[in-house]
All heavy atoms as atom14 arrays in JSON, in Angstrom:
{
  "sequence": "YQYSAFLLVQQGAQYKANRRPVKSIRQEVVSVCFPKD",
  "atom14_mask": [
    [1, 1, 1, 1, 1, 1, 1, 1, 1, 1, 1, 1, 0, 0],
    [1, 1, 1, 1, 1, 1, 1, 1, 1, 0, 0, 0, 0, 0],
    [1, 1, 1, 1, 1, 1, 1, 1, 1, 1, 1, 1, 0, 0],
    [1, 1, 1, 1, 1, 1, 0, 0, 0, 0, 0, 0, 0, 0],
    [1, 1, 1, 1, 1, 0, 0, 0, 0, 0, 0, 0, 0, 0],
    [1, 1, 1, 1, 1, 1, 1, 1, 1, 1, 1, 0, 0, 0],
    [1, 1, 1, 1, 1, 1, 1, 1, 0, 0, 0, 0, 0, 0],
    [1, 1, 1, 1, 1, 1, 1, 1, 0, 0, 0, 0, 0, 0],
    [1, 1, 1, 1, 1, 1, 1, 0, 0, 0, 0, 0, 0, 0],
    [1, 1, 1, 1, 1, 1, 1, 1, 1, 0, 0, 0, 0, 0],
    [1, 1, 1, 1, 1, 1, 1, 1, 1, 0, 0, 0, 0, 0],
    [1, 1, 1, 1, 0, 0, 0, 0, 0, 0, 0, 0, 0, 0],
    [1, 1, 1, 1, 1, 0, 0, 0, 0, 0, 0, 0, 0, 0],
    [1, 1, 1, 1, 1, 1, 1, 1, 1, 0, 0, 0, 0, 0],
    [1, 1, 1, 1, 1, 1, 1, 1, 1, 1, 1, 1, 0, 0],
    [1, 1, 1, 1, 1, 1, 1, 1, 1, 0, 0, 0, 0, 0],
    [1, 1, 1, 1, 1, 0, 0, 0, 0, 0, 0, 0, 0, 0],
    [1, 1, 1, 1, 1, 1, 1, 1, 0, 0, 0, 0, 0, 0],
    [1, 1, 1, 1, 1, 1, 1, 1, 1, 1, 1, 0, 0, 0],
    [1, 1, 1, 1, 1, 1, 1, 1, 1, 1, 1, 0, 0, 0],
    [1, 1, 1, 1, 1, 1, 1, 0, 0, 0, 0, 0, 0, 0],
    [1, 1, 1, 1, 1, 1, 1, 0, 0, 0, 0, 0, 0, 0],
    [1, 1, 1, 1, 1, 1, 1, 1, 1, 0, 0, 0, 0, 0],
    [1, 1, 1, 1, 1, 1, 0, 0, 0, 0, 0, 0, 0, 0],
    [1, 1, 1, 1, 1, 1, 1, 1, 0, 0, 0, 0, 0, 0],
    [1, 1, 1, 1, 1, 1, 1, 1, 1, 1, 1, 0, 0, 0],
    [1, 1, 1, 1, 1, 1, 1, 1, 1, 0, 0, 0, 0, 0],
    [1, 1, 1, 1, 1, 1, 1, 1, 1, 0, 0, 0, 0, 0],
    [1, 1, 1, 1, 1, 1, 1, 0, 0, 0, 0, 0, 0, 0],
    [1, 1, 1, 1, 1, 1, 1, 0, 0, 0, 0, 0, 0, 0],
    [1, 1, 1, 1, 1, 1, 0, 0, 0, 0, 0, 0, 0, 0],
    [1, 1, 1, 1, 1, 1, 1, 0, 0, 0, 0, 0, 0, 0],
    [1, 1, 1, 1, 1, 1, 0, 0, 0, 0, 0, 0, 0, 0],
    [1, 1, 1, 1, 1, 1, 1, 1, 1, 1, 1, 0, 0, 0],
    [1, 1, 1, 1, 1, 1, 1, 0, 0, 0, 0, 0, 0, 0],
    [1, 1, 1, 1, 1, 1, 1, 1, 1, 0, 0, 0, 0, 0],
    [1, 1, 1, 1, 1, 1, 1, 1, 0, 0, 0, 0, 0, 0]
  ],
  "atom14_positions": [
    [[0.83, -1.2, 0.0], [0.0, 0.0, 0.0], [0.87, 1.26, 0.0], [1.99, 1.25, 0.51], [-0.88, 0.04, 1.26], [-1.93, -1.03, 1.33], [-1.64, -2.28, 1.85], [-3.22, -0.8, 0.88], [-2.6, -3.26, 1.92], [-4.19, -1.78, 0.95], [-3.88, -3.01, 1.47], [-4.84, -3.98, 1.54], [0.0, 0.0, 0.0], [0.0, 0.0, 0.0]],
    [[0.29, 2.35, -0.53], [0.85, 3.69, -0.49], [2.34, 3.71, -0.85], [2.69, 3.37, -1.95], [0.59, 4.34, 0.87], [-0.87, 4.35, 1.32], [-1.81, 5.11, 0.42], [-2.19, 4.6, -0.62], [-2.23, 6.32, 0.81], [0.0, 0.0, 0.0], [0.0, 0.0, 0.0], [0.0, 0.0, 0.0], [0.0, 0.0, 0.0], [0.0, 0.0, 0.0]],
    [[3.2, 4.17, 0.07], [4.63, 4.3, -0.22], [5.25, 2.95, -0.58], [6.11, 2.87, -1.46], [5.38, 4.91, 0.97], [4.97, 6.32, 1.31], [4.63, 6.67, 2.6], [4.94, 7.31, 0.33], [4.26, 7.97, 2.92], [4.56, 8.61, 0.63], [4.23, 8.94, 1.93], [3.86, 10.22, 2.23], [0.0, 0.0, 0.0], [0.0, 0.0, 0.0]],
    [[4.82, 1.91, 0.08], [5.34, 0.57, -0.23], [5.0, 0.18, -1.67], [5.84, -0.39, -2.38], [4.77, -0.46, 0.74], [5.24, -0.24, 2.04], [0.0, 0.0, 0.0], [0.0, 0.0, 0.0], [0.0, 0.0, 0.0], [0.0, 0.0, 0.0], [0.0, 0.0, 0.0], [0.0, 0.0, 0.0], [0.0, 0.0, 0.0], [0.0, 0.0, 0.0]],
    [[3.79, 0.5, -2.11], [3.39, 0.21, -3.49], [4.28, 0.98, -4.46], [4.74, 0.44, -5.47], [1.92, 0.56, -3.7], [0.0, 0.0, 0.0], [0.0, 0.0, 0.0], [0.0, 0.0, 0.0], [0.0, 0.0, 0.0], [0.0, 0.0, 0.0], [0.0, 0.0, 0.0], [0.0, 0.0, 0.0], [0.0, 0.0, 0.0], [0.0, 0.0, 0.0]],
    [[4.52, 2.24, -4.16], [5.37, 3.09, -5.0], [6.79, 2.51, -5.08], [7.35, 2.36, -6.17], [5.4, 4.51, -4.43], [6.38, 5.43, -5.11], [6.17, 5.85, -6.41], [7.5, 5.87, -4.44], [7.08, 6.7, -7.03], [8.41, 6.73, -5.04], [8.2, 7.14, -6.35], [0.0, 0.0, 0.0], [0.0, 0.0, 0.0], [0.0, 0.0, 0.0]],
    [[7.35, 2.14, -3.95], [8.7, 1.59, -3.93], [8.77, 0.27, -4.7], [9.75, 0.0, -5.4], [9.18, 1.39, -2.49], [9.47, 2.67, -1.72], [9.67, 2.37, -0.23], [10.67, 3.4, -2.29], [0.0, 0.0, 0.0], [0.0, 0.0, 0.0], [0.0, 0.0, 0.0], [0.0, 0.0, 0.0], [0.0, 0.0, 0.0], [0.0, 0.0, 0.0]],
    [[7.73, -0.53, -4.59], [7.67, -1.79, -5.32], [7.7, -1.54, -6.82], [8.46, -2.18, -7.56], [6.41, -2.56, -4.91], [6.25, -3.97, -5.44], [7.34, -4.89, -4.93], [4.89, -4.51, -5.04], [0.0, 0.0, 0.0], [0.0, 0.0, 0.0], [0.0, 0.0, 0.0], [0.0, 0.0, 0.0], [0.0, 0.0, 0.0], [0.0, 0.0, 0.0]],
    [[6.9, -0.6, -7.29], [6.86, -0.27, -8.71], [8.21, 0.32, -9.14], [8.71, 0.02, -10.23], [5.7, 0.7, -9.01], [5.78, 1.27, -10.41], [4.36, -0.01, -8.8], [0.0, 0.0, 0.0], [0.0, 0.0, 0.0], [0.0, 0.0, 0.0], [0.0, 0.0, 0.0], [0.0, 0.0, 0.0], [0.0, 0.0, 0.0], [0.0, 0.0, 0.0]],
    [[8.81, 1.14, -8.28], [10.11, 1.74, -8.58], [11.21, 0.68, -8.74], [12.19, 0.89, -9.44], [10.53, 2.73, -7.49], [9.67, 3.97, -7.43], [9.78, 4.78, -8.71], [10.84, 5.19, -9.11], [8.65, 4.99, -9.37], [0.0, 0.0, 0.0], [0.0, 0.0, 0.0], [0.0, 0.0, 0.0], [0.0, 0.0, 0.0], [0.0, 0.0, 0.0]],
    [[11.03, -0.47, -8.11], [12.01, -1.55, -8.21], [11.82, -2.39, -9.47], [12.52, -3.36, -9.68], [11.93, -2.46, -6.96], [12.24, -1.76, -5.67], [13.52, -0.94, -5.74], [14.57, -1.46, -6.07], [13.43, 0.34, -5.44], [0.0, 0.0, 0.0], [0.0, 0.0, 0.0], [0.0, 0.0, 0.0], [0.0, 0.0, 0.0], [0.0, 0.0, 0.0]],
    [[10.86, -2.0, -10.27], [10.66, -2.68, -11.55], [9.56, -3.72, -11.56], [9.39, -4.41, -12.56], [0.0, 0.0, 0.0], [0.0, 0.0, 0.0], [0.0, 0.0, 0.0], [0.0, 0.0, 0.0], [0.0, 0.0, 0.0], [0.0, 0.0, 0.0], [0.0, 0.0, 0.0], [0.0, 0.0, 0.0], [0.0, 0.0, 0.0], [0.0, 0.0, 0.0]],
    [[8.82, -3.85, -10.49], [7.71, -4.81, -10.47], [6.67, -4.37, -11.5], [6.23, -3.23, -11.5], [7.09, -4.87, -9.08], [0.0, 0.0, 0.0], [0.0, 0.0, 0.0], [0.0, 0.0, 0.0], [0.0, 0.0, 0.0], [0.0, 0.0, 0.0], [0.0, 0.0, 0.0], [0.0, 0.0, 0.0], [0.0, 0.0, 0.0], [0.0, 0.0, 0.0]],
    [[6.33, -5.26, -12.38], [5.41, -4.94, -13.48], [3.96, -5.26, -13.12], [3.28, -5.97, -13.85], [5.83, -5.72, -14.73], [7.21, -5.4, -15.22], [7.35, -3.98, -15.71], [6.53, -3.5, -16.47], [8.37, -3.29, -15.25], [0.0, 0.0, 0.0], [0.0, 0.0, 0.0], [0.0, 0.0, 0.0], [0.0, 0.0, 0.0], [0.0, 0.0, 0.0]],
    [[3.51, -4.74, -12.01], [2.14, -4.97, -11.58], [1.38, -3.65, -11.57], [1.96, -2.6, -11.3], [2.1, -5.63, -10.19], [2.79, -6.97, -10.19], [4.05, -7.12, -9.62], [2.2, -8.07, -10.79], [4.69, -8.35, -9.64], [2.84, -9.3, -10.82], [4.08, -9.42, -10.25], [4.72, -10.63, -10.27], [0.0, 0.0, 0.0], [0.0, 0.0, 0.0]],
    [[0.09, -3.74, -11.84], [-0.74, -2.55, -11.94], [-1.05, -1.99, -10.55], [-1.46, -2.72, -9.65], [-2.05, -2.89, -12.65], [-2.94, -1.71, -12.86], [-4.23, -2.11, -13.54], [-5.14, -0.91, -13.63], [-6.51, -1.28, -13.91], [0.0, 0.0, 0.0], [0.0, 0.0, 0.0], [0.0, 0.0, 0.0], [0.0, 0.0, 0.0], [0.0, 0.0, 0.0]],
    [[-0.87, -0.69, -10.41], [-1.24, 0.0, -9.17], [-2.7, 0.43, -9.28], [-3.11, 0.97, -10.3], [-0.34, 1.2, -8.95], [0.0, 0.0, 0.0], [0.0, 0.0, 0.0], [0.0, 0.0, 0.0], [0.0, 0.0, 0.0], [0.0, 0.0, 0.0], [0.0, 0.0, 0.0], [0.0, 0.0, 0.0], [0.0, 0.0, 0.0], [0.0, 0.0, 0.0]],
    [[-3.47, 0.16, -8.23], [-4.88, 0.55, -8.2], [-5.09, 1.64, -7.16], [-4.7, 1.47, -6.0], [-5.76, -0.66, -7.85], [-5.74, -1.69, -8.94], [-6.02, -1.39, -10.09], [-5.38, -2.91, -8.61], [0.0, 0.0, 0.0], [0.0, 0.0, 0.0], [0.0, 0.0, 0.0], [0.0, 0.0, 0.0], [0.0, 0.0, 0.0], [0.0, 0.0, 0.0]],
    [[-5.69, 2.71, -7.57], [-6.0, 3.84, -6.68], [-7.52, 3.9, -6.54], [-8.23, 3.97, -7.54], [-5.46, 5.13, -7.29], [-5.74, 6.35, -6.48], [-5.12, 7.55, -7.19], [-5.7, 8.79, -6.73], [-5.59, 9.94, -7.36], [-4.91, 10.0, -8.49], [-6.14, 11.01, -6.87], [0.0, 0.0, 0.0], [0.0, 0.0, 0.0], [0.0, 0.0, 0.0]],
    [[-7.98, 3.87, -5.3], [-9.44, 3.88, -5.08], [-9.77, 4.61, -3.79], [-8.97, 4.64, -2.85], [-9.97, 2.45, -5.03], [-9.38, 1.64, -3.91], [-9.84, 0.19, -3.93], [-9.11, -0.59, -2.97], [-9.27, -0.56, -1.65], [-10.17, 0.22, -1.12], [-8.55, -1.32, -0.85], [0.0, 0.0, 0.0], [0.0, 0.0, 0.0], [0.0, 0.0, 0.0]],
    [[-10.96, 5.19, -3.75], [-11.38, 5.84, -2.5], [-11.79, 4.8, -1.46], [-12.38, 3.78, -1.8], [-12.59, 6.69, -2.93], [-13.04, 6.12, -4.23], [-11.91, 5.35, -4.83], [0.0, 0.0, 0.0], [0.0, 0.0, 0.0], [0.0, 0.0, 0.0], [0.0, 0.0, 0.0], [0.0, 0.0, 0.0], [0.0, 0.0, 0.0], [0.0, 0.0, 0.0]],
    [[-11.43, 5.05, -0.21], [-11.83, 4.18, 0.9], [-12.63, 5.05, 1.87], [-12.08, 5.93, 2.53], [-10.6, 3.54, 1.58], [-11.04, 2.69, 2.77], [-9.81, 2.71, 0.59], [0.0, 0.0, 0.0], [0.0, 0.0, 0.0], [0.0, 0.0, 0.0], [0.0, 0.0, 0.0], [0.0, 0.0, 0.0], [0.0, 0.0, 0.0], [0.0, 0.0, 0.0]],
    [[-13.92, 4.78, 1.94], [-14.81, 5.61, 2.76], [-14.46, 5.58, 4.24], [-14.52, 6.59, 4.91], [-16.27, 5.17, 2.58], [-16.86, 5.54, 1.26], [-18.31, 5.12, 1.19], [-18.89, 5.44, -0.17], [-20.3, 5.07, -0.26], [0.0, 0.0, 0.0], [0.0, 0.0, 0.0], [0.0, 0.0, 0.0], [0.0, 0.0, 0.0], [0.0, 0.0, 0.0]],
    [[-14.08, 4.42, 4.74], [-13.86, 4.28, 6.18], [-12.72, 5.17, 6.68], [-12.71, 5.54, 7.85], [-13.58, 2.82, 6.54], [-12.4, 2.37, 5.91], [0.0, 0.0, 0.0], [0.0, 0.0, 0.0], [0.0, 0.0, 0.0], [0.0, 0.0, 0.0], [0.0, 0.0, 0.0], [0.0, 0.0, 0.0], [0.0, 0.0, 0.0], [0.0, 0.0, 0.0]],
    [[-11.76, 5.49, 5.84], [-10.65, 6.36, 6.27], [-10.67, 7.7, 5.54], [-9.77, 8.51, 5.73], [-9.28, 5.66, 6.09], [-9.06, 5.22, 4.66], [-9.15, 4.51, 7.05], [-7.69, 4.62, 4.41], [0.0, 0.0, 0.0], [0.0, 0.0, 0.0], [0.0, 0.0, 0.0], [0.0, 0.0, 0.0], [0.0, 0.0, 0.0], [0.0, 0.0, 0.0]],
    [[-11.69, 7.89, 4.71], [-11.9, 9.16, 4.0], [-10.68, 9.63, 3.21], [-10.28, 10.79, 3.29], [-12.34, 10.25, 4.98], [-13.67, 9.99, 5.62], [-14.11, 11.17, 6.46], [-15.38, 10.89, 7.06], [-15.55, 10.65, 8.34], [-14.53, 10.66, 9.16], [-16.74, 10.41, 8.81], [0.0, 0.0, 0.0], [0.0, 0.0, 0.0], [0.0, 0.0, 0.0]],
    [[-10.09, 8.72, 2.48], [-8.99, 9.09, 1.61], [-8.82, 8.05, 0.51], [-9.39, 6.97, 0.58], [-7.68, 9.26, 2.39], [-6.98, 7.99, 2.79], [-5.7, 8.25, 3.56], [-5.77, 8.72, 4.69], [-4.57, 7.96, 2.97], [0.0, 0.0, 0.0], [0.0, 0.0, 0.0], [0.0, 0.0, 0.0], [0.0, 0.0, 0.0], [0.0, 0.0, 0.0]],
    [[-8.05, 8.41, -0.49], [-7.76, 7.48, -1.56], [-6.54, 6.65, -1.19], [-5.61, 7.15, -0.56], [-7.51, 8.23, -2.86], [-8.77, 8.87, -3.39], [-8.54, 9.73, -4.61], [-7.37, 9.99, -4.97], [-9.55, 10.14, -5.22], [0.0, 0.0, 0.0], [0.0, 0.0, 0.0], [0.0, 0.0, 0.0], [0.0, 0.0, 0.0], [0.0, 0.0, 0.0]],
    [[-6.59, 5.39, -1.57], [-5.53, 4.45, -1.24], [-5.03, 3.83, -2.54], [-5.81, 3.51, -3.43], [-6.06, 3.35, -0.3], [-5.06, 2.24, -0.11], [-6.47, 3.95, 1.03], [0.0, 0.0, 0.0], [0.0, 0.0, 0.0], [0.0, 0.0, 0.0], [0.0, 0.0, 0.0], [0.0, 0.0, 0.0], [0.0, 0.0, 0.0], [0.0, 0.0, 0.0]],
    [[-3.72, 3.68, -2.63], [-3.14, 2.99, -3.78], [-2.52, 1.68, -3.29], [-1.97, 1.63, -2.19], [-2.1, 3.86, -4.52], [-0.91, 4.16, -3.66], [-1.66, 3.22, -5.81], [0.0, 0.0, 0.0], [0.0, 0.0, 0.0], [0.0, 0.0, 0.0], [0.0, 0.0, 0.0], [0.0, 0.0, 0.0], [0.0, 0.0, 0.0], [0.0, 0.0, 0.0]],
    [[-2.68, 0.64, -4.09], [-2.11, -0.65, -3.72], [-1.63, -1.38, -4.96], [-2.09, -1.11, -6.07], [-3.14, -1.5, -2.96], [-4.25, -1.76, -3.79], [0.0, 0.0, 0.0], [0.0, 0.0, 0.0], [0.0, 0.0, 0.0], [0.0, 0.0, 0.0], [0.0, 0.0, 0.0], [0.0, 0.0, 0.0], [0.0, 0.0, 0.0], [0.0, 0.0, 0.0]],
    [[-0.69, -2.29, -4.73], [-0.18, -3.17, -5.77], [-0.26, -4.58, -5.2], [0.15, -4.82, -4.06], [1.27, -2.82, -6.16], [1.84, -3.84, -7.13], [1.35, -1.43, -6.75], [0.0, 0.0, 0.0], [0.0, 0.0, 0.0], [0.0, 0.0, 0.0], [0.0, 0.0, 0.0], [0.0, 0.0, 0.0], [0.0, 0.0, 0.0], [0.0, 0.0, 0.0]],
    [[-0.76, -5.49, -5.99], [-0.99, -6.85, -5.54], [-0.32, -7.81, -6.52], [-0.34, -7.58, -7.72], [-2.5, -7.06, -5.52], [-3.06, -8.59, -4.86], [0.0, 0.0, 0.0], [0.0, 0.0, 0.0], [0.0, 0.0, 0.0], [0.0, 0.0, 0.0], [0.0, 0.0, 0.0], [0.0, 0.0, 0.0], [0.0, 0.0, 0.0], [0.0, 0.0, 0.0]],
    [[0.29, -8.87, -5.98], [0.92, -9.86, -6.85], [0.86, -11.23, -6.19], [0.81, -11.33, -4.97], [2.36, -9.47, -7.21], [3.29, -9.35, -6.04], [4.05, -10.44, -5.63], [3.41, -8.15, -5.36], [4.91, -10.33, -4.54], [4.27, -8.03, -4.28], [5.02, -9.12, -3.87], [0.0, 0.0, 0.0], [0.0, 0.0, 0.0], [0.0, 0.0, 0.0]],
    [[0.87, -12.3, -7.0], [0.8, -13.66, -6.44], [1.96, -13.95, -5.5], [3.1, -13.58, -5.78], [0.87, -14.56, -7.69], [0.48, -13.69, -8.82], [0.91, -12.31, -8.46], [0.0, 0.0, 0.0], [0.0, 0.0, 0.0], [0.0, 0.0, 0.0], [0.0, 0.0, 0.0], [0.0, 0.0, 0.0], [0.0, 0.0, 0.0], [0.0, 0.0, 0.0]],
    [[1.66, -14.63, -4.4], [2.68, -14.84, -3.37], [3.86, -15.67, -3.86], [4.97, -15.47, -3.41], [2.07, -15.41, -2.1], [1.64, -16.85, -2.16], [1.11, -17.31, -0.82], [0.77, -18.78, -0.82], [0.3, -19.22, 0.47], [0.0, 0.0, 0.0], [0.0, 0.0, 0.0], [0.0, 0.0, 0.0], [0.0, 0.0, 0.0], [0.0, 0.0, 0.0]],
    [[3.62, -16.57, -4.8], [4.73, -17.4, -5.25], [5.68, -16.69, -6.22], [6.69, -17.25, -6.62], [4.24, -18.73, -5.82], [3.1, -18.6, -6.8], [2.4, -17.59, -6.75], [2.89, -19.53, -7.6], [0.0, 0.0, 0.0], [0.0, 0.0, 0.0], [0.0, 0.0, 0.0], [0.0, 0.0, 0.0], [0.0, 0.0, 0.0], [0.0, 0.0, 0.0]]
  ]
}
């Protein structure tokens, strides 16, 4: 999430970053997800 997602992408990970609003914390959140293996 957030800075960690940015750093992951900066390291060359070719995964799509998703930015979405999260009502419970009243802010937009960015995340990158990839298979654990």
